[in-house]
Amino acid sequence: MSVAIPVFKPVSKMQLTPGSKVTIPDVSWDEFEAILKELGEKRNSRIAYIQGNLEIMLPLPEHEIPKDLISDIVKILLKAKGIKYQPFGSTTFKKIGIAGVEPDACFYIQNYQQMIGKRRLQPDDPPPDLAIETDVTSKTTLDAYQAIGVPELWIFDSGKLSIYLLQDGKYIKSEKSPYLGDLDITEIIPDTVERSWQVGSFQALEEFTVTLYSIVE
């Protein structure tokens, strides 16, 4: 009788196609940390981990344009409102032993002063005040953000922007951002992203900035 022998290969050897995702169950926290170290910091894939479930995703190439554009829009919006911030890119955020996630972009707003000059996150550092995800986002990713305690999460998917606010430990969908409450960003951002596909990101941002400052003035 033949016996099945499990074969183990490094996660870094997995060949993912753009837009694909692999889920690995029963991953301990130590294994998760080891996988992060194996994958390294300079990679195209992104991870989400929550209580033993690990997802590794490889975004589509067209994911990069909305990701960068929305990050630029947020900076322009916060500056126009006179709100100070510290961007933190796609850093890996963790709640030790429970969750880990890598946003497309994120911003410290309430805690921006505390994060100035930080080159690496420390276990006692707060989560970002605003995180942004583009492309399809799974329940694993949402649960990870929720566990880490990110107060505000934006998800841009299929041309639509959804805003989630953390209330009593759960995400509640909202039409407005507490930081940008008088601006209809669920329309502004999708319109600007769509415009960028027509005229390019530079011109789309210029047009957006002109319109914005005509509104706030």
Foldseek 3Di string as FASTA:
>chain_A
DDDDDDDDDQPCPDDDDAPDKDKDFQQWLVNVVVNDVVNDDPDQWWWKDFQGIIMIHHHHPVQVLLLVLVVVVVVLLCVLVVFDKDKDAQDWDDQRRGIIGTARIFIAGVCRVVCPPDPDDDNPDQDGQEGEHEEDDDPRRQLRCLVSPRQWYWYHYPLFIWIWGADPSDTDTDQADPSNRVDRVRPLSSVLSVVCVVVNSVVSVVVSSVVVVVVSD
